Each structure stands twice: as C-alpha cells, then as structure tokens.
Amino acid sequence: MAELVILGSSGWIPQDGRMTSSLALRLEEDLLIFDAGSGIGRLSREPFRRLVPAPGRPIHLFLTHLHFDHLVGLTFLPALWSNPTLVHVPDEGALHKIAAARITFLSGP
C-alpha cells in the first residue's frame, strides 16, 4: 500500500500554517521524501511520525532542485530520526552547491 502526504506546499516563505515544499511517500516499509523544505520537520510529531520507518531502515530524500525553500529542512535531519538517510541530488556538483549555500545561509549577509 502506498501513501502520499504533503508535508509542505508553500512558496519560499512559510505562511498561514503552510510549510515550504516537502512530500513524503510511504511504500510499505520504505519512506521516500521529495524535497527538504520546512515541511519535513512535521515528521517529528504525529500524525506524521508514523510515516518514519523502523530504526535502521534507510530513508531516501530526493532533492528536485537547490533553492533554499527546498533545502532548509536538511538542517532538521539529525533531530527527526536515527535512520540512515540517503540524499539523492540532481547532479554531481549539487552537494558542493548545497554546502556552499548552507554556509552562506547560516553565516548571514
């Protein structure tokens, strides 16, 4: 059985209770997440927590592109679960772009 849950669907700024882009697809024992917007944080509490698979089972996180509103949830990952997380990026240089963007974002202007 498959279940698709919209965790966030707002534009680049969360508003009116809507978080930025993140979708969770539960396929039996597996969890696939598409984009790591602020909505990914909802997986830390019910009713969304039930989507996280048993400890030790990998979670697959697919990033569709590298805008901040699709990446900001990467900073939440250590607090969300203890499962191994495989991050799938759109191209080979994406991880370097994410690291550079995160450093810039965290250090401010």
PDB file of N, CA and C in Angstrom:
ATOM      1  N   MET A   1       0.835  -1.180   0.000  1.00  0.00           N
ATOM      2  CA  MET A   1       0.000   0.000   0.000  1.00  0.00           C
ATOM      3  C   MET A   1       0.885   1.250   0.000  1.00  0.00           C
ATOM      4  N   ALA A   2       0.520   2.227  -0.765  1.00  0.00           N
ATOM      5  CA  ALA A   2       1.272   3.480  -0.853  1.00  0.00           C
ATOM      6  C   ALA A   2       0.457   4.613  -0.247  1.00  0.00           C
ATOM      7  N   GLU A   3       1.174   5.549   0.365  1.00  0.00           N
ATOM      8  CA  GLU A   3       0.523   6.721   0.951  1.00  0.00           C
ATOM      9  C   GLU A   3       1.381   7.946   0.646  1.00  0.00           C
ATOM     10  N   LEU A   4       0.786   8.961   0.028  1.00  0.00           N
ATOM     11  CA  LEU A   4       1.467  10.206  -0.288  1.00  0.00           C
ATOM     12  C   LEU A   4       0.938  11.285   0.650  1.00  0.00           C
ATOM     13  N   VAL A   5       1.849  11.973   1.339  1.00  0.00           N
ATOM     14  CA  VAL A   5       1.466  13.013   2.297  1.00  0.00           C
ATOM     15  C   VAL A   5       2.195  14.302   1.933  1.00  0.00           C
ATOM     16  N   ILE A   6       1.455  15.373   1.803  1.00  0.00           N
ATOM     17  CA  ILE A   6       2.048  16.688   1.547  1.00  0.00           C
ATOM     18  C   ILE A   6       2.424  17.285   2.899  1.00  0.00           C
ATOM     19  N   LEU A   7       3.718  17.431   3.135  1.00  0.00           N
ATOM     20  CA  LEU A   7       4.214  17.997   4.392  1.00  0.00           C
ATOM     21  C   LEU A   7       4.308  19.515   4.314  1.00  0.00           C
ATOM     22  N   GLY A   8       4.548  20.041   3.126  1.00  0.00           N
ATOM     23  CA  GLY A   8       4.654  21.470   2.915  1.00  0.00           C
ATOM     24  C   GLY A   8       4.412  21.796   1.460  1.00  0.00           C
ATOM     25  N   SER A   9       3.695  22.885   1.208  1.00  0.00           N
ATOM     26  CA  SER A   9       3.373  23.248  -0.173  1.00  0.00           C
ATOM     27  C   SER A   9       3.420  24.752  -0.418  1.00  0.00           C
ATOM     28  N   SER A  10       3.971  25.492   0.524  1.00  0.00           N
ATOM     29  CA  SER A  10       4.011  26.945   0.392  1.00  0.00           C
ATOM     30  C   SER A  10       5.139  27.364  -0.544  1.00  0.00           C
ATOM     31  N   GLY A  11       5.113  28.598  -0.920  1.00  0.00           N
ATOM     32  CA  GLY A  11       6.200  29.179  -1.704  1.00  0.00           C
ATOM     33  C   GLY A  11       7.439  29.288  -0.844  1.00  0.00           C
ATOM     34  N   TRP A  12       8.347  30.155  -1.154  1.00  0.00           N
ATOM     35  CA  TRP A  12       9.639  30.161  -0.472  1.00  0.00           C
ATOM     36  C   TRP A  12       9.593  30.692   0.953  1.00  0.00           C
ATOM     37  N   ILE A  13       8.458  31.240   1.388  1.00  0.00           N
ATOM     38  CA  ILE A  13       8.296  31.669   2.780  1.00  0.00           C
ATOM     39  C   ILE A  13       7.085  30.939   3.361  1.00  0.00           C
ATOM     40  N   PRO A  14       7.254  30.194   4.482  1.00  0.00           N
ATOM     41  CA  PRO A  14       6.105  29.539   5.101  1.00  0.00           C
ATOM     42  C   PRO A  14       5.076  30.594   5.508  1.00  0.00           C
ATOM     43  N   GLN A  15       3.805  30.315   5.276  1.00  0.00           N
ATOM     44  CA  GLN A  15       2.769  31.274   5.643  1.00  0.00           C
ATOM     45  C   GLN A  15       1.443  30.578   5.879  1.00  0.00           C
ATOM     46  N   ASP A  16       0.614  31.177   6.712  1.00  0.00           N
ATOM     47  CA  ASP A  16      -0.721  30.668   7.010  1.00  0.00           C
ATOM     48  C   ASP A  16      -0.699  29.196   7.407  1.00  0.00           C
ATOM     49  N   GLY A  17       0.294  28.793   8.199  1.00  0.00           N
ATOM     50  CA  GLY A  17       0.387  27.414   8.655  1.00  0.00           C
ATOM     51  C   GLY A  17       0.940  26.439   7.627  1.00  0.00           C
ATOM     52  N   ARG A  18       1.241  26.931   6.427  1.00  0.00           N
ATOM     53  CA  ARG A  18       1.804  26.062   5.382  1.00  0.00           C
ATOM     54  C   ARG A  18       3.314  26.173   5.394  1.00  0.00           C
ATOM     55  N   MET A  19       3.975  25.033   5.370  1.00  0.00           N
ATOM     56  CA  MET A  19       5.432  24.973   5.342  1.00  0.00           C
ATOM     57  C   MET A  19       5.913  24.920   3.896  1.00  0.00           C
ATOM     58  N   THR A  20       7.226  25.121   3.707  1.00  0.00           N
ATOM     59  CA  THR A  20       7.769  25.055   2.350  1.00  0.00           C
ATOM     60  C   THR A  20       7.871  23.601   1.885  1.00  0.00           C
ATOM     61  N   SER A  21       8.077  23.426   0.617  1.00  0.00           N
ATOM     62  CA  SER A  21       7.902  22.164  -0.114  1.00  0.00           C
ATOM     63  C   SER A  21       8.577  20.931   0.455  1.00  0.00           C
ATOM     64  N   SER A  22       7.758  19.917   0.671  1.00  0.00           N
ATOM     65  CA  SER A  22       8.235  18.600   1.063  1.00  0.00           C
ATOM     66  C   SER A  22       7.070  17.620   0.937  1.00  0.00           C
ATOM     67  N   LEU A  23       7.338  16.489   0.309  1.00  0.00           N
ATOM     68  CA  LEU A  23       6.345  15.427   0.149  1.00  0.00           C
ATOM     69  C   LEU A  23       6.914  14.135   0.704  1.00  0.00           C
ATOM     70  N   ALA A  24       6.084  13.347   1.340  1.00  0.00           N
ATOM     71  CA  ALA A  24       6.512  12.043   1.861  1.00  0.00           C
ATOM     72  C   ALA A  24       5.699  10.961   1.167  1.00  0.00           C
ATOM     73  N   LEU A  25       6.391   9.966   0.663  1.00  0.00           N
ATOM     74  CA  LEU A  25       5.735   8.828   0.017  1.00  0.00           C
ATOM     75  C   LEU A  25       6.135   7.577   0.787  1.00  0.00           C
ATOM     76  N   ARG A  26       5.164   6.975   1.458  1.00  0.00           N
ATOM     77  CA  ARG A  26       5.415   5.740   2.210  1.00  0.00           C
ATOM     78  C   ARG A  26       5.006   4.579   1.324  1.00  0.00           C
ATOM     79  N   LEU A  27       5.951   3.694   1.036  1.00  0.00           N
ATOM     80  CA  LEU A  27       5.719   2.498   0.238  1.00  0.00           C
ATOM     81  C   LEU A  27       5.999   1.294   1.119  1.00  0.00           C
ATOM     82  N   GLU A  28       4.967   0.749   1.714  1.00  0.00           N
ATOM     83  CA  GLU A  28       5.093  -0.370   2.645  1.00  0.00           C
ATOM     84  C   GLU A  28       6.125  -0.060   3.720  1.00  0.00           C
ATOM     85  N   GLU A  29       7.331  -0.620   3.643  1.00  0.00           N
ATOM     86  CA  GLU A  29       8.363  -0.435   4.668  1.00  0.00           C
ATOM     87  C   GLU A  29       9.267   0.763   4.400  1.00  0.00           C
ATOM     88  N   ASP A  30       9.150   1.386   3.237  1.00  0.00           N
ATOM     89  CA  ASP A  30      10.092   2.432   2.826  1.00  0.00           C
ATOM     90  C   ASP A  30       9.469   3.816   2.869  1.00  0.00           C
ATOM     91  N   LEU A  31      10.312   4.812   3.148  1.00  0.00           N
ATOM     92  CA  LEU A  31       9.902   6.209   3.100  1.00  0.00           C
ATOM     93  C   LEU A  31      10.768   6.933   2.089  1.00  0.00           C
ATOM     94  N   LEU A  32      10.111   7.557   1.119  1.00  0.00           N
ATOM     95  CA  LEU A  32      10.770   8.408   0.133  1.00  0.00           C
ATOM     96  C   LEU A  32      10.268   9.820   0.377  1.00  0.00           C
ATOM     97  N   ILE A  33      11.187  10.760   0.467  1.00  0.00           N
ATOM     98  CA  ILE A  33      10.827  12.158   0.686  1.00  0.00           C
ATOM     99  C   ILE A  33      11.314  12.951  -0.511  1.00  0.00           C
ATOM    100  N   PHE A  34      10.455  13.823  -0.993  1.00  0.00           N
ATOM    101  CA  PHE A  34      10.810  14.671  -2.130  1.00  0.00           C
ATOM    102  C   PHE A  34      10.885  16.108  -1.637  1.00  0.00           C
ATOM    103  N   ASP A  35      12.076  16.635  -1.627  1.00  0.00           N
ATOM    104  CA  ASP A  35      12.439  17.978  -1.195  1.00  0.00           C
ATOM    105  C   ASP A  35      12.436  18.100   0.324  1.00  0.00           C
ATOM    106  N   ALA A  36      13.318  18.956   0.792  1.00  0.00           N
ATOM    107  CA  ALA A  36      13.535  19.119   2.225  1.00  0.00           C
ATOM    108  C   ALA A  36      13.198  20.539   2.653  1.00  0.00           C
ATOM    109  N   GLY A  37      12.005  20.984   2.290  1.00  0.00           N
ATOM    110  CA  GLY A  37      11.542  22.279   2.767  1.00  0.00           C
ATOM    111  C   GLY A  37      11.229  22.190   4.254  1.00  0.00           C
ATOM    112  N   SER A  38      10.758  23.279   4.833  1.00  0.00           N
ATOM    113  CA  SER A  38      10.481  23.300   6.268  1.00  0.00           C
ATOM    114  C   SER A  38       9.414  22.284   6.663  1.00  0.00           C
ATOM    115  N   GLY A  39       8.590  21.840   5.715  1.00  0.00           N
ATOM    116  CA  GLY A  39       7.566  20.839   5.994  1.00  0.00           C
ATOM    117  C   GLY A  39       8.115  19.519   6.476  1.00  0.00           C
ATOM    118  N   ILE A  40       9.372  19.216   6.162  1.00  0.00           N
ATOM    119  CA  ILE A  40       9.972  17.954   6.590  1.00  0.00           C
ATOM    120  C   ILE A  40       9.993  17.848   8.121  1.00  0.00           C
ATOM    121  N   GLY A  41      10.020  18.979   8.798  1.00  0.00           N
ATOM    122  CA  GLY A  41      10.006  18.997  10.261  1.00  0.00           C
ATOM    123  C   GLY A  41       8.757  18.379  10.852  1.00  0.00           C
ATOM    124  N   ARG A  42       7.688  18.311  10.093  1.00  0.00           N
ATOM    125  CA  ARG A  42       6.446  17.701  10.582  1.00  0.00           C
ATOM    126  C   ARG A  42       6.607  16.213  10.866  1.00  0.00           C
ATOM    127  N   LEU A  43       7.635  15.590  10.300  1.00  0.00           N
ATOM    128  CA  LEU A  43       7.848  14.161  10.533  1.00  0.00           C
ATOM    129  C   LEU A  43       8.306  13.867  11.959  1.00  0.00           C
ATOM    130  N   SER A  44       8.558  14.901  12.747  1.00  0.00           N
ATOM    131  CA  SER A  44       8.984  14.692  14.136  1.00  0.00           C
ATOM    132  C   SER A  44       7.805  14.487  15.084  1.00  0.00           C
ATOM    133  N   ARG A  45       6.573  14.710  14.607  1.00  0.00           N
ATOM    134  CA  ARG A  45       5.416  14.589  15.501  1.00  0.00           C
ATOM    135  C   ARG A  45       4.231  13.951  14.773  1.00  0.00           C
ATOM    136  N   GLU A  46       3.286  13.481  15.559  1.00  0.00           N
ATOM    137  CA  GLU A  46       2.080  12.860  14.992  1.00  0.00           C
ATOM    138  C   GLU A  46       1.204  13.938  14.370  1.00  0.00           C
ATOM    139  N   PRO A  47       0.441  13.613  13.374  1.00  0.00           N
ATOM    140  CA  PRO A  47       0.196  12.280  12.826  1.00  0.00           C
ATOM    141  C   PRO A  47       1.233  11.826  11.795  1.00  0.00           C
ATOM    142  N   PHE A  48       2.251  12.630  11.564  1.00  0.00           N
ATOM    143  CA  PHE A  48       3.229  12.334  10.515  1.00  0.00           C
ATOM    144  C   PHE A  48       4.331  11.374  10.957  1.00  0.00           C
ATOM    145  N   ARG A  49       4.606  11.318  12.249  1.00  0.00           N
ATOM    146  CA  ARG A  49       5.693  10.486  12.774  1.00  0.00           C
ATOM    147  C   ARG A  49       5.532   9.017  12.369  1.00  0.00           C
ATOM    148  N   ARG A  50       4.307   8.575  12.217  1.00  0.00           N
ATOM    149  CA  ARG A  50       4.024   7.182  11.852  1.00  0.00           C
ATOM    150  C   ARG A  50       4.579   6.817  10.475  1.00  0.00           C
ATOM    151  N   LEU A  51       4.909   7.818   9.653  1.00  0.00           N
ATOM    152  CA  LEU A  51       5.459   7.564   8.321  1.00  0.00           C
ATOM    153  C   LEU A  51       6.917   7.109   8.367  1.00  0.00           C
ATOM    154  N   VAL A  52       7.622   7.481   9.433  1.00  0.00           N
ATOM    155  CA  VAL A  52       9.046   7.144   9.553  1.00  0.00           C
ATOM    156  C   VAL A  52       9.171   5.636   9.785  1.00  0.00           C
ATOM    157  N   PRO A  53       9.971   4.962   8.967  1.00  0.00           N
ATOM    158  CA  PRO A  53      10.102   3.505   9.107  1.00  0.00           C
ATOM    159  C   PRO A  53      10.857   3.103  10.374  1.00  0.00           C
ATOM    160  N   ALA A  54      10.872   1.812  10.612  1.00  0.00           N
ATOM    161  CA  ALA A  54      11.572   1.256  11.770  1.00  0.00           C
ATOM    162  C   ALA A  54      13.031   1.706  11.780  1.00  0.00           C
ATOM    163  N   PRO A  55      13.603   1.892  12.972  1.00  0.00           N
ATOM    164  CA  PRO A  55      15.013   2.289  13.054  1.00  0.00           C
ATOM    165  C   PRO A  55      15.907   1.339  12.261  1.00  0.00           C
ATOM    166  N   GLY A  56      16.908   1.928  11.624  1.00  0.00           N
ATOM    167  CA  GLY A  56      17.841   1.148  10.822  1.00  0.00           C
ATOM    168  C   GLY A  56      17.454   1.055   9.360  1.00  0.00           C
ATOM    169  N   ARG A  57      16.182   1.267   9.058  1.00  0.00           N
ATOM    170  CA  ARG A  57      15.725   1.212   7.673  1.00  0.00           C
ATOM    171  C   ARG A  57      16.051   2.551   7.006  1.00  0.00           C
ATOM    172  N   PRO A  58      16.718   2.554   5.852  1.00  0.00           N
ATOM    173  CA  PRO A  58      17.098   3.833   5.229  1.00  0.00           C
ATOM    174  C   PRO A  58      15.894   4.640   4.731  1.00  0.00           C
ATOM    175  N   ILE A  59      16.068   5.946   4.800  1.00  0.00           N
ATOM    176  CA  ILE A  59      15.096   6.891   4.251  1.00  0.00           C
ATOM    177  C   ILE A  59      15.767   7.519   3.031  1.00  0.00           C
ATOM    178  N   HIS A  60      15.014   7.626   1.946  1.00  0.00           N
ATOM    179  CA  HIS A  60      15.547   8.224   0.719  1.00  0.00           C
ATOM    180  C   HIS A  60      14.968   9.628   0.577  1.00  0.00           C
ATOM    181  N   LEU A  61      15.851  10.607   0.467  1.00  0.00           N
ATOM    182  CA  LEU A  61      15.458  12.001   0.301  1.00  0.00           C
ATOM    183  C   LEU A  61      15.933  12.468  -1.071  1.00  0.00           C
ATOM    184  N   PHE A  62      14.987  12.832  -1.921  1.00  0.00           N
ATOM    185  CA  PHE A  62      15.281  13.295  -3.275  1.00  0.00           C
ATOM    186  C   PHE A  62      15.110  14.807  -3.338  1.00  0.00           C
ATOM    187  N   LEU A  63      16.160  15.511  -3.744  1.00  0.00           N
ATOM    188  CA  LEU A  63      16.081  16.960  -3.923  1.00  0.00           C
ATOM    189  C   LEU A  63      15.828  17.239  -5.400  1.00  0.00           C
ATOM    190  N   THR A  64      14.747  17.941  -5.694  1.00  0.00           N
ATOM    191  CA  THR A  64      14.407  18.211  -7.092  1.00  0.00           C
ATOM    192  C   THR A  64      15.249  19.336  -7.674  1.00  0.00           C
ATOM    193  N   HIS A  65      15.587  20.306  -6.827  1.00  0.00           N
ATOM    194  CA  HIS A  65      16.471  21.403  -7.227  1.00  0.00           C
ATOM    195  C   HIS A  65      16.994  22.058  -5.955  1.00  0.00           C
ATOM    196  N   LEU A  66      17.868  23.040  -6.095  1.00  0.00           N
ATOM    197  CA  LEU A  66      18.645  23.518  -4.963  1.00  0.00           C
ATOM    198  C   LEU A  66      18.275  24.901  -4.451  1.00  0.00           C
ATOM    199  N   HIS A  67      17.010  25.281  -4.519  1.00  0.00           N
ATOM    200  CA  HIS A  67      16.586  26.547  -3.919  1.00  0.00           C
ATOM    201  C   HIS A  67      16.458  26.356  -2.409  1.00  0.00           C
ATOM    202  N   PHE A  68      16.699  27.406  -1.646  1.00  0.00           N
ATOM    203  CA  PHE A  68      16.669  27.311  -0.182  1.00  0.00           C
ATOM    204  C   PHE A  68      15.364  26.740   0.356  1.00  0.00           C
ATOM    205  N   ASP A  69      14.231  27.102  -0.265  1.00  0.00           N
ATOM    206  CA  ASP A  69      12.960  26.607   0.262  1.00  0.00           C
ATOM    207  C   ASP A  69      12.805  25.095   0.101  1.00  0.00           C
ATOM    208  N   HIS A  70      13.674  24.465  -0.664  1.00  0.00           N
ATOM    209  CA  HIS A  70      13.672  23.014  -0.835  1.00  0.00           C
ATOM    210  C   HIS A  70      14.827  22.358  -0.073  1.00  0.00           C
ATOM    211  N   LEU A  71      15.665  23.169   0.607  1.00  0.00           N
ATOM    212  CA  LEU A  71      16.850  22.670   1.306  1.00  0.00           C
ATOM    213  C   LEU A  71      16.858  22.930   2.801  1.00  0.00           C
ATOM    214  N   VAL A  72      16.127  23.932   3.268  1.00  0.00           N
ATOM    215  CA  VAL A  72      16.242  24.374   4.659  1.00  0.00           C
ATOM    216  C   VAL A  72      16.004  23.237   5.650  1.00  0.00           C
ATOM    217  N   GLY A  73      15.193  22.262   5.299  1.00  0.00           N
ATOM    218  CA  GLY A  73      14.924  21.140   6.187  1.00  0.00           C
ATOM    219  C   GLY A  73      16.106  20.201   6.371  1.00  0.00           C
ATOM    220  N   LEU A  74      17.142  20.324   5.543  1.00  0.00           N
ATOM    221  CA  LEU A  74      18.334  19.498   5.743  1.00  0.00           C
ATOM    222  C   LEU A  74      18.925  19.743   7.131  1.00  0.00           C
ATOM    223  N   THR A  75      18.768  20.951   7.636  1.00  0.00           N
ATOM    224  CA  THR A  75      19.301  21.265   8.960  1.00  0.00           C
ATOM    225  C   THR A  75      18.517  20.556  10.060  1.00  0.00           C
ATOM    226  N   PHE A  76      17.300  20.072   9.774  1.00  0.00           N
ATOM    227  CA  PHE A  76      16.472  19.391  10.770  1.00  0.00           C
ATOM    228  C   PHE A  76      16.786  17.898  10.870  1.00  0.00           C
ATOM    229  N   LEU A  77      17.462  17.322   9.873  1.00  0.00           N
ATOM    230  CA  LEU A  77      17.588  15.865   9.783  1.00  0.00           C
ATOM    231  C   LEU A  77      18.093  15.186  11.052  1.00  0.00           C
ATOM    232  N   PRO A  78      19.142  15.673  11.708  1.00  0.00           N
ATOM    233  CA  PRO A  78      19.615  14.952  12.896  1.00  0.00           C
ATOM    234  C   PRO A  78      18.567  14.845  14.008  1.00  0.00           C
ATOM    235  N   ALA A  79      17.634  15.771  14.064  1.00  0.00           N
ATOM    236  CA  ALA A  79      16.615  15.761  15.119  1.00  0.00           C
ATOM    237  C   ALA A  79      15.370  14.955  14.745  1.00  0.00           C
ATOM    238  N   LEU A  80      15.239  14.554  13.494  1.00  0.00           N
ATOM    239  CA  LEU A  80      13.996  13.919  13.045  1.00  0.00           C
ATOM    240  C   LEU A  80      13.959  12.414  13.245  1.00  0.00           C
ATOM    241  N   TRP A  81      15.072  11.746  12.980  1.00  0.00           N
ATOM    242  CA  TRP A  81      15.095  10.290  13.085  1.00  0.00           C
ATOM    243  C   TRP A  81      16.529   9.813  13.181  1.00  0.00           C
ATOM    244  N   SER A  82      16.688   8.552  13.564  1.00  0.00           N
ATOM    245  CA  SER A  82      18.031   7.971  13.641  1.00  0.00           C
ATOM    246  C   SER A  82      18.304   7.060  12.453  1.00  0.00           C
ATOM    247  N   ASN A  83      17.359   6.935  11.553  1.00  0.00           N
ATOM    248  CA  ASN A  83      17.531   6.096  10.360  1.00  0.00           C
ATOM    249  C   ASN A  83      18.636   6.649   9.468  1.00  0.00           C
ATOM    250  N   PRO A  84      19.364   5.761   8.772  1.00  0.00           N
ATOM    251  CA  PRO A  84      20.289   6.255   7.756  1.00  0.00           C
ATOM    252  C   PRO A  84      19.490   7.010   6.684  1.00  0.00           C
ATOM    253  N   THR A  85      20.027   8.101   6.204  1.00  0.00           N
ATOM    254  CA  THR A  85      19.330   8.908   5.203  1.00  0.00           C
ATOM    255  C   THR A  85      20.203   9.032   3.967  1.00  0.00           C
ATOM    256  N   LEU A  86      19.674   8.604   2.841  1.00  0.00           N
ATOM    257  CA  LEU A  86      20.369   8.717   1.563  1.00  0.00           C
ATOM    258  C   LEU A  86      19.798   9.924   0.837  1.00  0.00           C
ATOM    259  N   VAL A  87      20.640  10.909   0.585  1.00  0.00           N
ATOM    260  CA  VAL A  87      20.202  12.130  -0.097  1.00  0.00           C
ATOM    261  C   VAL A  87      20.565  12.003  -1.568  1.00  0.00           C
ATOM    262  N   HIS A  88      19.549  12.077  -2.412  1.00  0.00           N
ATOM    263  CA  HIS A  88      19.724  11.984  -3.862  1.00  0.00           C
ATOM    264  C   HIS A  88      19.638  13.392  -4.428  1.00  0.00           C
ATOM    265  N   VAL A  89      20.678  13.801  -5.149  1.00  0.00           N
ATOM    266  CA  VAL A  89      20.757  15.162  -5.659  1.00  0.00           C
ATOM    267  C   VAL A  89      20.661  15.173  -7.184  1.00  0.00           C
ATOM    268  N   PRO A  90      20.254  16.307  -7.764  1.00  0.00           N
ATOM    269  CA  PRO A  90      20.012  16.364  -9.207  1.00  0.00           C
ATOM    270  C   PRO A  90      21.243  16.244 -10.097  1.00  0.00           C
ATOM    271  N   ASP A  91      22.447  16.560  -9.586  1.00  0.00           N
ATOM    272  CA  ASP A  91      23.649  16.440 -10.417  1.00  0.00           C
ATOM    273  C   ASP A  91      24.874  16.263  -9.531  1.00  0.00           C
ATOM    274  N   GLU A  92      25.995  15.953 -10.139  1.00  0.00           N
ATOM    275  CA  GLU A  92      27.227  15.655  -9.394  1.00  0.00           C
ATOM    276  C   GLU A  92      27.715  16.811  -8.530  1.00  0.00           C
ATOM    277  N   GLY A  93      27.604  18.021  -9.011  1.00  0.00           N
ATOM    278  CA  GLY A  93      28.110  19.172  -8.271  1.00  0.00           C
ATOM    279  C   GLY A  93      27.149  19.701  -7.218  1.00  0.00           C
ATOM    280  N   ALA A  94      25.983  19.079  -7.090  1.00  0.00           N
ATOM    281  CA  ALA A  94      24.945  19.598  -6.196  1.00  0.00           C
ATOM    282  C   ALA A  94      25.366  19.621  -4.736  1.00  0.00           C
ATOM    283  N   LEU A  95      26.058  18.610  -4.267  1.00  0.00           N
ATOM    284  CA  LEU A  95      26.453  18.584  -2.850  1.00  0.00           C
ATOM    285  C   LEU A  95      27.362  19.750  -2.509  1.00  0.00           C
ATOM    286  N   HIS A  96      28.254  20.124  -3.432  1.00  0.00           N
ATOM    287  CA  HIS A  96      29.118  21.276  -3.189  1.00  0.00           C
ATOM    288  C   HIS A  96      28.296  22.561  -3.155  1.00  0.00           C
ATOM    289  N   LYS A  97      27.305  22.658  -4.013  1.00  0.00           N
ATOM    290  CA  LYS A  97      26.438  23.833  -4.036  1.00  0.00           C
ATOM    291  C   LYS A  97      25.636  23.927  -2.744  1.00  0.00           C
ATOM    292  N   ILE A  98      25.134  22.777  -2.259  1.00  0.00           N
ATOM    293  CA  ILE A  98      24.372  22.769  -1.019  1.00  0.00           C
ATOM    294  C   ILE A  98      25.256  23.210   0.139  1.00  0.00           C
ATOM    295  N   ALA A  99      26.456  22.673   0.225  1.00  0.00           N
ATOM    296  CA  ALA A  99      27.369  23.033   1.310  1.00  0.00           C
ATOM    297  C   ALA A  99      27.682  24.524   1.282  1.00  0.00           C
ATOM    298  N   ALA A 100      27.960  25.064   0.111  1.00  0.00           N
ATOM    299  CA  ALA A 100      28.268  26.487  -0.012  1.00  0.00           C
ATOM    300  C   ALA A 100      27.067  27.334   0.350  1.00  0.00           C
ATOM    301  N   ALA A 101      25.885  26.936  -0.098  1.00  0.00           N
ATOM    302  CA  ALA A 101      24.672  27.687   0.189  1.00  0.00           C
ATOM    303  C   ALA A 101      24.367  27.658   1.690  1.00  0.00           C
ATOM    304  N   ARG A 102      24.551  26.512   2.316  1.00  0.00           N
ATOM    305  CA  ARG A 102      24.262  26.391   3.742  1.00  0.00           C
ATOM    306  C   ARG A 102      25.218  27.259   4.554  1.00  0.00           C
ATOM    307  N   ILE A 103      26.473  27.273   4.192  1.00  0.00           N
ATOM    308  CA  ILE A 103      27.436  28.111   4.907  1.00  0.00           C
ATOM    309  C   ILE A 103      27.051  29.575   4.772  1.00  0.00           C
ATOM    310  N   THR A 104      26.686  29.990   3.580  1.00  0.00           N
ATOM    311  CA  THR A 104      26.270  31.375   3.340  1.00  0.00           C
ATOM    312  C   THR A 104      25.017  31.691   4.135  1.00  0.00           C
ATOM    313  N   PHE A 105      24.046  30.779   4.099  1.00  0.00           N
ATOM    314  CA  PHE A 105      22.773  30.985   4.778  1.00  0.00           C
ATOM    315  C   PHE A 105      22.973  31.099   6.285  1.00  0.00           C
ATOM    316  N   LEU A 106      23.769  30.222   6.871  1.00  0.00           N
ATOM    317  CA  LEU A 106      23.959  30.207   8.314  1.00  0.00           C
ATOM    318  C   LEU A 106      24.811  31.377   8.812  1.00  0.00           C
ATOM    319  N   SER A 107      25.685  31.884   7.951  1.00  0.00           N
ATOM    320  CA  SER A 107      26.564  32.964   8.399  1.00  0.00           C
ATOM    321  C   SER A 107      25.944  34.344   8.182  1.00  0.00           C
ATOM    322  N   GLY A 108      24.856  34.410   7.443  1.00  0.00           N
ATOM    323  CA  GLY A 108      24.186  35.699   7.228  1.00  0.00           C
ATOM    324  C   GLY A 108      24.834  36.510   6.118  1.00  0.00           C
ATOM    325  N   PRO A 109      24.330  37.719   5.900  1.00  0.00           N
ATOM    326  CA  PRO A 109      24.837  38.548   4.801  1.00  0.00           C
ATOM    327  C   PRO A 109      26.254  39.047   5.046  1.00  0.00           C
TER     328      PRO A 109
END
